[in-house]
Amino acid sequence: MAHAKAELDTLEVPAEFGENTRRVLDADVVVLSPGVPSGAPIVREALALGMAVVSEVEVASWFCAAPIAAITGTNGKTTTTALLGRIFEDAKRPAVVAGNIGTAFSQVVAGMAGGATAILEISSFQLDHIGTFRPAVAVLLNITPDHLDRYEHSFEKYIASKCRIFENQREGDVLVYNHDDLVTRENVLRHIALGVTLLPFSTKERLPHGAFLRQGRLCTIIGERETDVIGAGEISIKGAHNLANAMAATLTAQAMGVAVASLRATLRNFKGVEHRLEFVREIDGVTYVNDSKATNVDSVWYALQSFASPIVVLLGGRDKGNDYTRLLDLVRTNVRAVVAIGESAGVVERAFASVVPVTVCTTMDDAVREGRRLAAPGDVVLLSPACASFDWFDNYEHRGRVFKELVMQL
């Protein structure tokens, strides 16, 4: 905060920290950080006064002459954004990677080189207050219930927010979307504008266009061109969810002119992102995996299918109204034991105690040690919390770092 204040003082920009006064309303436009909810009193008052309220990514887009590839979805957007950024880097194509992935778009847009591409991870919160934001290529990975506390506990309002990724697209733009996710597919086909090129991807069906599997190989059809891209087993990031992410990144890269030979090499070598199914170490035949970024049930659902070995899973944190019933079958078949952590430990215990052994731990240190005690050689100890981290930690990155540090101390 001190650094931000010093920078604003240098620019002679008046600023308030800690609390707002009504000075906020003495403006032409109110620009929201994604962390500020639409229901905040000062935001509601600005809207009631008829003031323009826009998101930071919307404002940054006003100053961006470069093509934008924008990726959203409940799960997978960070991995897909990072993979696409790496594809551009390996292809020697100038690009900036920004947005919800960590660097604000507004922080980098002014310094973008000529001919560069903006590759943006976009959250629903950033989409809530767009006006003209228009990606040349929009990517919608999936839509499952998450952050419903910010949407009046309405899944329909959350869906509508996610679909804003393509609301301003017009003829000549491209929308890459998940054909296998029924909610995504139905809303795309219901609301997409005429002239937008649709490129679906599927890990389950052969499609007439887009990306699909044929005899174990990732293939694409864009326009009249069919391409055999790579064997699915050659892709370095594993799991069905990462195959879908790789399909989305591949279609986006091809649509933006990246050569297949180059992106194929990246798909073979990309190692994933920190805190998302991240290998930490192996001790006494037990593998430890950091999936701290799994802050919802759907992320855990994918994670529990990513290993052939029995799993001891660390679950819990600040609950966002999770329904754990979706996980019961997977826990029953794939999980040896559950270690319940955080504020929601009691909820986790009640959800799974009838299915597998559950141990409640009151610190991450205890949880890691309990995971080690419960695991047998060949097992996986997996931190995949399904919850926010703000009960014990600053954010999911902090939670993941602490987990890794404790594992390295075992």
Protein backbone atom coordinates (compact mmCIF):
# COMPACT_ATOMS: atom_id res chain seq x y z
CA MET A 1 0.00 0.00 0.00
CA ALA A 2 2.86 2.38 0.80
CA HIS A 3 4.33 1.80 -2.67
CA ALA A 4 0.97 2.52 -4.32
CA LYS A 5 0.54 5.72 -2.30
CA ALA A 6 4.02 6.92 -3.23
CA GLU A 7 3.39 6.27 -6.91
CA LEU A 8 0.04 8.08 -6.83
CA ASP A 9 1.58 11.01 -4.97
CA THR A 10 4.27 11.24 -7.68
CA LEU A 11 1.54 11.37 -10.31
CA GLU A 12 -0.36 13.92 -8.20
CA VAL A 13 -3.41 11.66 -8.12
CA PRO A 14 -5.59 12.14 -5.03
CA ALA A 15 -6.11 8.85 -3.19
CA GLU A 16 -7.86 7.37 -0.16
CA PHE A 17 -6.76 4.18 1.63
CA GLY A 18 -8.55 2.02 4.15
CA GLU A 19 -11.97 3.59 3.77
CA ASN A 20 -13.89 5.52 1.12
CA THR A 21 -15.46 8.89 1.58
CA ARG A 22 -18.03 10.38 -0.76
CA ARG A 23 -15.15 11.87 -2.75
CA VAL A 24 -15.31 8.67 -4.78
CA LEU A 25 -18.56 9.95 -6.26
CA ASP A 26 -16.93 13.16 -7.45
CA ALA A 27 -15.88 11.50 -10.70
CA ASP A 28 -17.01 10.80 -14.23
CA VAL A 29 -16.23 7.07 -14.11
CA VAL A 30 -15.82 4.59 -11.27
CA VAL A 31 -13.31 1.82 -12.09
CA LEU A 32 -13.53 -1.34 -10.00
CA SER A 33 -10.82 -3.75 -9.03
CA PRO A 34 -12.12 -7.36 -9.27
CA GLY A 35 -11.97 -7.60 -5.49
CA VAL A 36 -14.64 -4.94 -5.03
CA PRO A 37 -18.11 -6.56 -5.15
CA SER A 38 -20.88 -4.99 -7.18
CA GLY A 39 -22.97 -4.96 -4.01
CA ALA A 40 -20.58 -2.73 -2.06
CA PRO A 41 -22.53 0.32 -0.76
CA ILE A 42 -20.38 2.86 -2.61
CA VAL A 43 -20.83 0.94 -5.88
CA ARG A 44 -24.59 0.67 -5.41
CA GLU A 45 -24.74 4.40 -4.73
CA ALA A 46 -22.71 5.20 -7.85
CA LEU A 47 -25.01 3.04 -9.97
CA ALA A 48 -28.10 4.64 -8.42
CA LEU A 49 -26.73 8.05 -9.37
CA GLY A 50 -26.35 6.88 -12.97
CA MET A 51 -22.56 7.00 -12.89
CA ALA A 52 -20.51 4.87 -15.26
CA VAL A 53 -19.11 1.90 -13.29
CA VAL A 54 -16.62 -0.19 -15.25
CA SER A 55 -14.03 -2.87 -14.56
CA GLU A 56 -10.28 -2.34 -14.73
CA VAL A 57 -9.98 -4.69 -17.72
CA GLU A 58 -12.61 -2.66 -19.59
CA VAL A 59 -10.64 0.56 -19.13
CA ALA A 60 -7.38 -1.10 -20.16
CA SER A 61 -9.02 -2.38 -23.34
CA TRP A 62 -9.79 1.22 -24.37
CA PHE A 63 -6.04 1.75 -24.77
CA CYS A 64 -5.26 -1.56 -26.48
CA ALA A 65 -4.86 -1.56 -30.25
CA ALA A 66 -3.55 -5.14 -30.20
CA PRO A 67 -5.69 -8.24 -30.70
CA ILE A 68 -6.94 -9.75 -27.44
CA ALA A 69 -7.27 -13.44 -26.59
CA ALA A 70 -9.41 -13.62 -23.45
CA ILE A 71 -9.85 -16.83 -21.46
CA THR A 72 -12.52 -17.45 -18.83
CA GLY A 73 -14.16 -20.43 -17.17
CA THR A 74 -14.80 -21.72 -13.69
CA ASN A 75 -11.77 -24.02 -13.89
CA GLY A 76 -8.66 -24.24 -16.02
CA LYS A 77 -8.31 -20.62 -17.04
CA THR A 78 -4.93 -20.03 -15.38
CA THR A 79 -3.41 -23.17 -16.90
CA THR A 80 -4.85 -22.36 -20.34
CA THR A 81 -3.71 -18.74 -20.19
CA ALA A 82 -0.20 -19.71 -19.09
CA LEU A 83 -0.01 -22.40 -21.76
CA LEU A 84 -1.14 -19.99 -24.48
CA GLY A 85 1.40 -17.44 -23.31
CA ARG A 86 4.12 -20.07 -23.47
CA ILE A 87 2.99 -21.09 -26.99
CA PHE A 88 3.39 -17.48 -28.15
CA GLU A 89 6.75 -17.17 -26.39
CA ASP A 90 8.10 -20.36 -27.95
CA ALA A 91 6.83 -19.27 -31.36
CA LYS A 92 8.70 -15.95 -30.95
CA ARG A 93 5.41 -14.07 -31.18
CA PRO A 94 5.32 -10.90 -29.04
CA ALA A 95 2.62 -11.10 -26.37
CA VAL A 96 1.77 -9.98 -22.85
CA VAL A 97 0.07 -12.33 -20.37
CA ALA A 98 -2.06 -10.46 -17.87
CA GLY A 99 -5.43 -10.16 -16.16
CA ASN A 100 -6.63 -12.43 -13.40
CA ILE A 101 -3.44 -14.50 -13.70
CA GLY A 102 -1.59 -11.92 -11.60
CA THR A 103 -0.54 -8.83 -13.58
CA ALA A 104 -3.24 -6.22 -14.16
CA PHE A 105 -3.95 -5.56 -17.84
CA SER A 106 -3.85 -1.81 -17.13
CA GLN A 107 -0.31 -2.21 -15.78
CA VAL A 108 1.10 -3.51 -19.06
CA VAL A 109 -1.13 -2.20 -21.84
CA ALA A 110 0.75 1.06 -22.31
CA GLY A 111 4.04 -0.75 -22.85
CA MET A 112 2.84 -3.31 -25.39
CA ALA A 113 5.12 -3.55 -28.40
CA GLY A 114 3.77 -3.15 -31.90
CA GLY A 115 2.33 -6.37 -33.27
CA ALA A 116 1.93 -7.90 -29.81
CA THR A 117 -1.06 -9.93 -28.63
CA ALA A 118 -2.78 -9.47 -25.26
CA ILE A 119 -3.40 -12.87 -23.64
CA LEU A 120 -5.75 -12.34 -20.71
CA GLU A 121 -7.17 -14.53 -17.99
CA ILE A 122 -10.55 -13.03 -17.20
CA SER A 123 -12.67 -13.73 -14.11
CA SER A 124 -16.41 -13.31 -13.82
CA PHE A 125 -15.80 -10.34 -11.51
CA GLN A 126 -13.85 -8.59 -14.28
CA LEU A 127 -16.66 -9.27 -16.74
CA ASP A 128 -19.39 -7.89 -14.48
CA HIS A 129 -18.73 -4.30 -15.50
CA ILE A 130 -17.48 -4.40 -19.08
CA GLY A 131 -19.02 -2.19 -21.75
CA THR A 132 -17.11 -2.50 -25.01
CA PHE A 133 -14.51 -5.16 -24.12
CA ARG A 134 -14.21 -7.28 -27.29
CA PRO A 135 -11.68 -10.11 -27.64
CA ALA A 136 -10.63 -11.15 -31.12
CA VAL A 137 -10.64 -14.68 -29.68
CA ALA A 138 -12.72 -15.48 -26.61
CA VAL A 139 -12.34 -18.79 -24.78
CA LEU A 140 -15.05 -20.22 -22.52
CA LEU A 141 -13.69 -23.34 -20.82
CA ASN A 142 -16.62 -24.39 -18.61
CA ILE A 143 -19.29 -23.03 -16.27
CA THR A 144 -19.98 -24.73 -12.95
CA PRO A 145 -21.28 -23.21 -9.68
CA ASP A 146 -18.69 -20.99 -7.96
CA HIS A 147 -18.58 -17.61 -6.23
CA LEU A 148 -22.36 -17.71 -5.91
CA ASP A 149 -22.09 -15.51 -2.81
CA ARG A 150 -21.19 -12.68 -5.22
CA TYR A 151 -24.22 -13.45 -7.43
CA GLU A 152 -27.04 -13.55 -4.88
CA HIS A 153 -26.64 -17.35 -4.82
CA SER A 154 -27.98 -17.47 -8.36
CA PHE A 155 -26.26 -19.83 -10.80
CA GLU A 156 -28.09 -18.11 -13.66
CA LYS A 157 -26.52 -14.75 -12.77
CA TYR A 158 -23.09 -16.36 -12.61
CA ILE A 159 -23.67 -17.97 -16.04
CA ALA A 160 -24.71 -14.59 -17.46
CA SER A 161 -21.50 -13.04 -16.11
CA LYS A 162 -19.29 -15.69 -17.71
CA CYS A 163 -21.06 -15.34 -21.06
CA ARG A 164 -20.22 -11.66 -21.21
CA ILE A 165 -16.81 -12.78 -22.52
CA PHE A 166 -18.38 -12.96 -25.98
CA GLU A 167 -21.24 -10.43 -25.76
CA ASN A 168 -19.45 -7.79 -27.85
CA GLN A 169 -17.97 -10.15 -30.42
CA ARG A 170 -18.97 -9.58 -34.03
CA GLU A 171 -18.28 -10.97 -37.48
CA GLY A 172 -14.65 -11.97 -37.87
CA ASP A 173 -14.14 -12.75 -34.17
CA VAL A 174 -13.66 -16.29 -32.84
CA LEU A 175 -15.21 -18.08 -29.85
CA VAL A 176 -13.53 -21.24 -28.55
CA TYR A 177 -15.80 -23.18 -26.18
CA ASN A 178 -16.27 -26.49 -24.39
CA HIS A 179 -18.70 -28.66 -26.33
CA ASP A 180 -18.74 -31.26 -23.53
CA ASP A 181 -20.05 -28.83 -20.91
CA LEU A 182 -23.80 -28.63 -21.47
CA VAL A 183 -24.28 -25.30 -19.69
CA THR A 184 -21.52 -23.71 -21.75
CA ARG A 185 -22.69 -25.18 -25.05
CA GLU A 186 -26.35 -24.24 -24.59
CA ASN A 187 -25.57 -20.65 -23.61
CA VAL A 188 -23.10 -20.16 -26.45
CA LEU A 189 -25.56 -21.39 -29.05
CA ARG A 190 -28.37 -19.35 -27.53
CA HIS A 191 -26.58 -16.01 -27.32
CA ILE A 192 -23.72 -15.84 -29.84
CA ALA A 193 -23.87 -13.12 -32.49
CA LEU A 194 -24.12 -13.98 -36.18
CA GLY A 195 -20.80 -14.08 -37.98
CA VAL A 196 -18.68 -15.13 -34.99
CA THR A 197 -16.61 -18.22 -35.84
CA LEU A 198 -17.37 -21.02 -33.37
CA LEU A 199 -14.58 -23.46 -32.53
CA PRO A 200 -15.80 -26.07 -30.01
CA PHE A 201 -13.54 -28.64 -28.38
CA SER A 202 -14.41 -32.07 -27.04
CA THR A 203 -12.51 -34.85 -25.30
CA LYS A 204 -15.50 -37.19 -25.79
CA GLU A 205 -16.89 -36.72 -29.31
CA ARG A 206 -15.55 -36.28 -32.81
CA LEU A 207 -16.69 -32.87 -34.03
CA PRO A 208 -17.20 -31.52 -37.58
CA HIS A 209 -15.03 -28.53 -36.64
CA GLY A 210 -12.93 -27.41 -33.69
CA ALA A 211 -10.76 -29.81 -31.66
CA PHE A 212 -11.38 -33.47 -30.83
CA LEU A 213 -9.68 -36.84 -30.37
CA ARG A 214 -9.23 -39.29 -33.21
CA GLN A 215 -7.56 -42.60 -32.38
CA GLY A 216 -5.88 -41.03 -29.36
CA ARG A 217 -4.62 -37.96 -31.19
CA LEU A 218 -5.59 -34.32 -30.78
CA CYS A 219 -6.91 -33.12 -34.14
CA THR A 220 -8.37 -29.79 -35.22
CA ILE A 221 -10.57 -28.63 -38.08
CA ILE A 222 -10.61 -24.88 -38.70
CA GLY A 223 -12.39 -23.83 -41.86
CA GLU A 224 -11.45 -26.36 -44.49
CA ARG A 225 -8.13 -27.26 -42.88
CA GLU A 226 -7.78 -30.44 -40.81
CA THR A 227 -4.64 -30.87 -38.71
CA ASP A 228 -3.25 -33.82 -36.78
CA VAL A 229 -1.63 -31.86 -33.94
CA ILE A 230 -0.24 -34.33 -31.40
CA GLY A 231 -0.83 -37.62 -29.63
CA ALA A 232 -2.81 -37.01 -26.43
CA GLY A 233 -0.26 -39.04 -24.48
CA GLU A 234 2.53 -36.72 -25.63
CA ILE A 235 1.00 -33.66 -23.94
CA SER A 236 3.06 -32.91 -20.85
CA ILE A 237 0.22 -31.75 -18.59
CA LYS A 238 -1.86 -34.78 -17.66
CA GLY A 239 -5.51 -35.46 -16.92
CA ALA A 240 -8.74 -35.11 -18.90
CA HIS A 241 -9.17 -31.51 -17.72
CA ASN A 242 -5.70 -30.59 -18.99
CA LEU A 243 -6.41 -32.26 -22.32
CA ALA A 244 -9.40 -29.93 -22.63
CA ASN A 245 -7.21 -26.96 -21.65
CA ALA A 246 -4.64 -27.99 -24.26
CA MET A 247 -7.37 -28.20 -26.91
CA ALA A 248 -8.58 -24.70 -26.05
CA ALA A 249 -5.06 -23.24 -26.20
CA THR A 250 -4.32 -25.07 -29.45
CA LEU A 251 -7.45 -23.75 -31.18
CA THR A 252 -6.75 -20.22 -29.96
CA ALA A 253 -3.14 -20.31 -31.11
CA GLN A 254 -4.07 -21.71 -34.52
CA ALA A 255 -6.83 -19.12 -34.93
CA MET A 256 -4.23 -16.42 -34.24
CA GLY A 257 -1.75 -17.83 -36.76
CA VAL A 258 0.76 -19.78 -34.66
CA ALA A 259 2.45 -22.56 -36.61
CA VAL A 260 1.42 -26.07 -35.58
CA ALA A 261 5.01 -27.36 -35.40
CA SER A 262 5.84 -24.72 -32.80
CA LEU A 263 2.77 -25.22 -30.62
CA ARG A 264 3.26 -28.99 -30.81
CA ALA A 265 6.70 -28.57 -29.22
CA THR A 266 5.22 -26.44 -26.45
CA LEU A 267 2.52 -28.99 -25.70
CA ARG A 268 5.25 -31.58 -25.20
CA ASN A 269 7.28 -29.41 -22.80
CA PHE A 270 4.92 -27.13 -20.84
CA LYS A 271 5.02 -28.14 -17.15
CA GLY A 272 1.87 -26.45 -15.87
CA VAL A 273 1.43 -23.70 -13.27
CA GLU A 274 2.31 -23.42 -9.62
CA HIS A 275 -0.37 -24.55 -7.15
CA ARG A 276 -2.33 -26.51 -9.78
CA LEU A 277 -1.63 -30.25 -9.47
CA GLU A 278 1.99 -29.31 -8.81
CA PHE A 279 4.39 -32.12 -7.93
CA VAL A 280 6.24 -31.26 -4.71
CA ARG A 281 8.34 -34.32 -3.84
CA GLU A 282 8.29 -38.06 -3.23
CA ILE A 283 9.10 -39.43 0.24
CA ASP A 284 9.16 -43.13 1.12
CA GLY A 285 7.23 -43.94 -2.03
CA VAL A 286 4.50 -41.33 -1.34
CA THR A 287 3.98 -38.49 -3.81
CA TYR A 288 2.98 -35.04 -2.49
CA VAL A 289 0.97 -32.76 -4.79
CA ASN A 290 0.02 -29.10 -4.28
CA ASP A 291 -3.37 -28.24 -5.76
CA SER A 292 -4.05 -25.21 -3.58
CA LYS A 293 -5.65 -23.39 -6.50
CA ALA A 294 -8.55 -25.87 -6.34
CA THR A 295 -10.90 -23.52 -4.51
CA ASN A 296 -14.16 -25.14 -5.60
CA VAL A 297 -15.69 -28.61 -5.73
CA ASP A 298 -15.40 -28.87 -9.51
CA SER A 299 -11.61 -28.39 -9.37
CA VAL A 300 -11.34 -31.19 -6.82
CA TRP A 301 -13.56 -33.40 -8.98
CA TYR A 302 -10.97 -33.11 -11.75
CA ALA A 303 -8.03 -33.56 -9.38
CA LEU A 304 -9.36 -36.80 -7.90
CA GLN A 305 -9.40 -38.30 -11.40
CA SER A 306 -5.80 -37.35 -12.17
CA PHE A 307 -4.05 -40.16 -10.31
CA ALA A 308 -4.08 -43.93 -10.67
CA SER A 309 -2.88 -44.38 -7.06
CA PRO A 310 -4.93 -44.11 -3.84
CA ILE A 311 -5.19 -40.54 -2.54
CA VAL A 312 -5.05 -38.96 0.90
CA VAL A 313 -6.71 -35.62 0.26
CA LEU A 314 -6.54 -32.47 2.39
CA LEU A 315 -9.92 -30.73 2.12
CA GLY A 316 -11.33 -27.58 3.69
CA GLY A 317 -10.86 -23.88 4.27
CA ARG A 318 -13.32 -21.01 4.02
CA ASP A 319 -16.42 -22.63 2.53
CA LYS A 320 -18.33 -20.86 -0.24
CA GLY A 321 -21.47 -22.96 0.14
CA ASN A 322 -19.98 -26.16 -1.30
CA ASP A 323 -22.10 -29.16 -2.20
CA TYR A 324 -19.78 -32.13 -1.68
CA THR A 325 -22.22 -34.76 -2.94
CA ARG A 326 -20.65 -34.58 -6.41
CA LEU A 327 -17.41 -35.89 -4.94
CA LEU A 328 -18.83 -38.85 -2.99
CA ASP A 329 -18.42 -41.50 -5.70
CA LEU A 330 -14.88 -40.40 -6.53
CA VAL A 331 -13.91 -40.28 -2.86
CA ARG A 332 -15.35 -43.73 -2.36
CA THR A 333 -13.31 -45.24 -5.22
CA ASN A 334 -10.13 -43.12 -5.38
CA VAL A 335 -9.48 -41.81 -1.86
CA ARG A 336 -7.89 -43.69 1.04
CA ALA A 337 -8.60 -40.99 3.65
CA VAL A 338 -9.64 -37.34 4.04
CA VAL A 339 -7.80 -34.83 6.22
CA ALA A 340 -10.23 -32.01 7.07
CA ILE A 341 -8.71 -28.55 7.56
CA GLY A 342 -9.72 -24.94 8.10
CA GLU A 343 -13.00 -23.34 9.13
CA SER A 344 -15.03 -25.89 7.21
CA ALA A 345 -13.36 -28.97 8.73
CA GLY A 346 -16.59 -29.95 10.46
CA VAL A 347 -18.57 -29.64 7.23
CA VAL A 348 -16.00 -31.76 5.40
CA GLU A 349 -16.05 -34.38 8.15
CA ARG A 350 -19.85 -34.67 8.01
CA ALA A 351 -19.78 -34.88 4.22
CA PHE A 352 -17.34 -37.80 3.97
CA ALA A 353 -17.24 -39.65 7.31
CA SER A 354 -19.68 -42.28 6.07
CA VAL A 355 -17.51 -42.97 2.99
CA VAL A 356 -13.84 -42.95 4.12
CA PRO A 357 -11.90 -42.28 7.32
CA VAL A 358 -11.75 -38.54 8.12
CA THR A 359 -9.27 -36.84 10.46
CA VAL A 360 -9.74 -33.21 11.56
CA CYS A 361 -6.54 -31.15 11.91
CA THR A 362 -6.25 -27.64 13.31
CA THR A 363 -3.05 -26.52 11.54
CA MET A 364 -1.49 -27.18 8.14
CA ASP A 365 1.55 -28.62 9.90
CA ASP A 366 -0.64 -31.22 11.63
CA ALA A 367 -2.47 -31.92 8.36
CA VAL A 368 0.74 -32.62 6.42
CA ARG A 369 2.02 -34.92 9.15
CA GLU A 370 -1.32 -36.71 9.32
CA GLY A 371 -1.29 -37.13 5.55
CA ARG A 372 2.11 -38.78 5.82
CA ARG A 373 0.88 -41.09 8.60
CA LEU A 374 -2.18 -42.17 6.61
CA ALA A 375 -0.50 -42.71 3.24
CA ALA A 376 1.01 -46.01 2.12
CA PRO A 377 3.87 -46.40 -0.37
CA GLY A 378 2.52 -45.66 -3.85
CA ASP A 379 -0.14 -43.26 -2.53
CA VAL A 380 -0.60 -39.56 -3.28
CA VAL A 381 -1.02 -36.92 -0.57
CA LEU A 382 -2.99 -34.19 -2.30
CA LEU A 383 -3.78 -30.70 -1.06
CA SER A 384 -6.96 -29.92 -3.01
CA PRO A 385 -9.08 -27.89 -0.60
CA ALA A 386 -12.28 -27.02 -2.56
CA CYS A 387 -12.40 -23.86 -0.43
CA ALA A 388 -11.02 -20.36 -0.24
CA SER A 389 -7.88 -19.89 1.84
CA PHE A 390 -8.70 -16.78 3.85
CA ASP A 391 -9.32 -18.57 7.14
CA TRP A 392 -5.67 -19.53 7.71
CA PHE A 393 -3.82 -17.84 4.84
CA ASP A 394 -3.54 -14.63 2.80
CA ASN A 395 -4.51 -16.37 -0.45
CA TYR A 396 -4.28 -19.73 -2.18
CA GLU A 397 -0.65 -19.05 -3.18
CA HIS A 398 0.29 -18.54 0.48
CA ARG A 399 -1.53 -21.77 1.38
CA GLY A 400 0.29 -23.67 -1.36
CA ARG A 401 3.70 -22.30 -0.37
CA VAL A 402 3.19 -23.26 3.27
CA PHE A 403 2.11 -26.76 2.24
CA LYS A 404 5.21 -27.16 0.07
CA GLU A 405 7.52 -25.85 2.79
CA LEU A 406 6.07 -28.29 5.32
CA VAL A 407 6.38 -31.19 2.88
CA MET A 408 10.03 -30.31 2.24
CA GLN A 409 10.62 -30.43 6.01
CA LEU A 410 9.29 -33.98 6.39
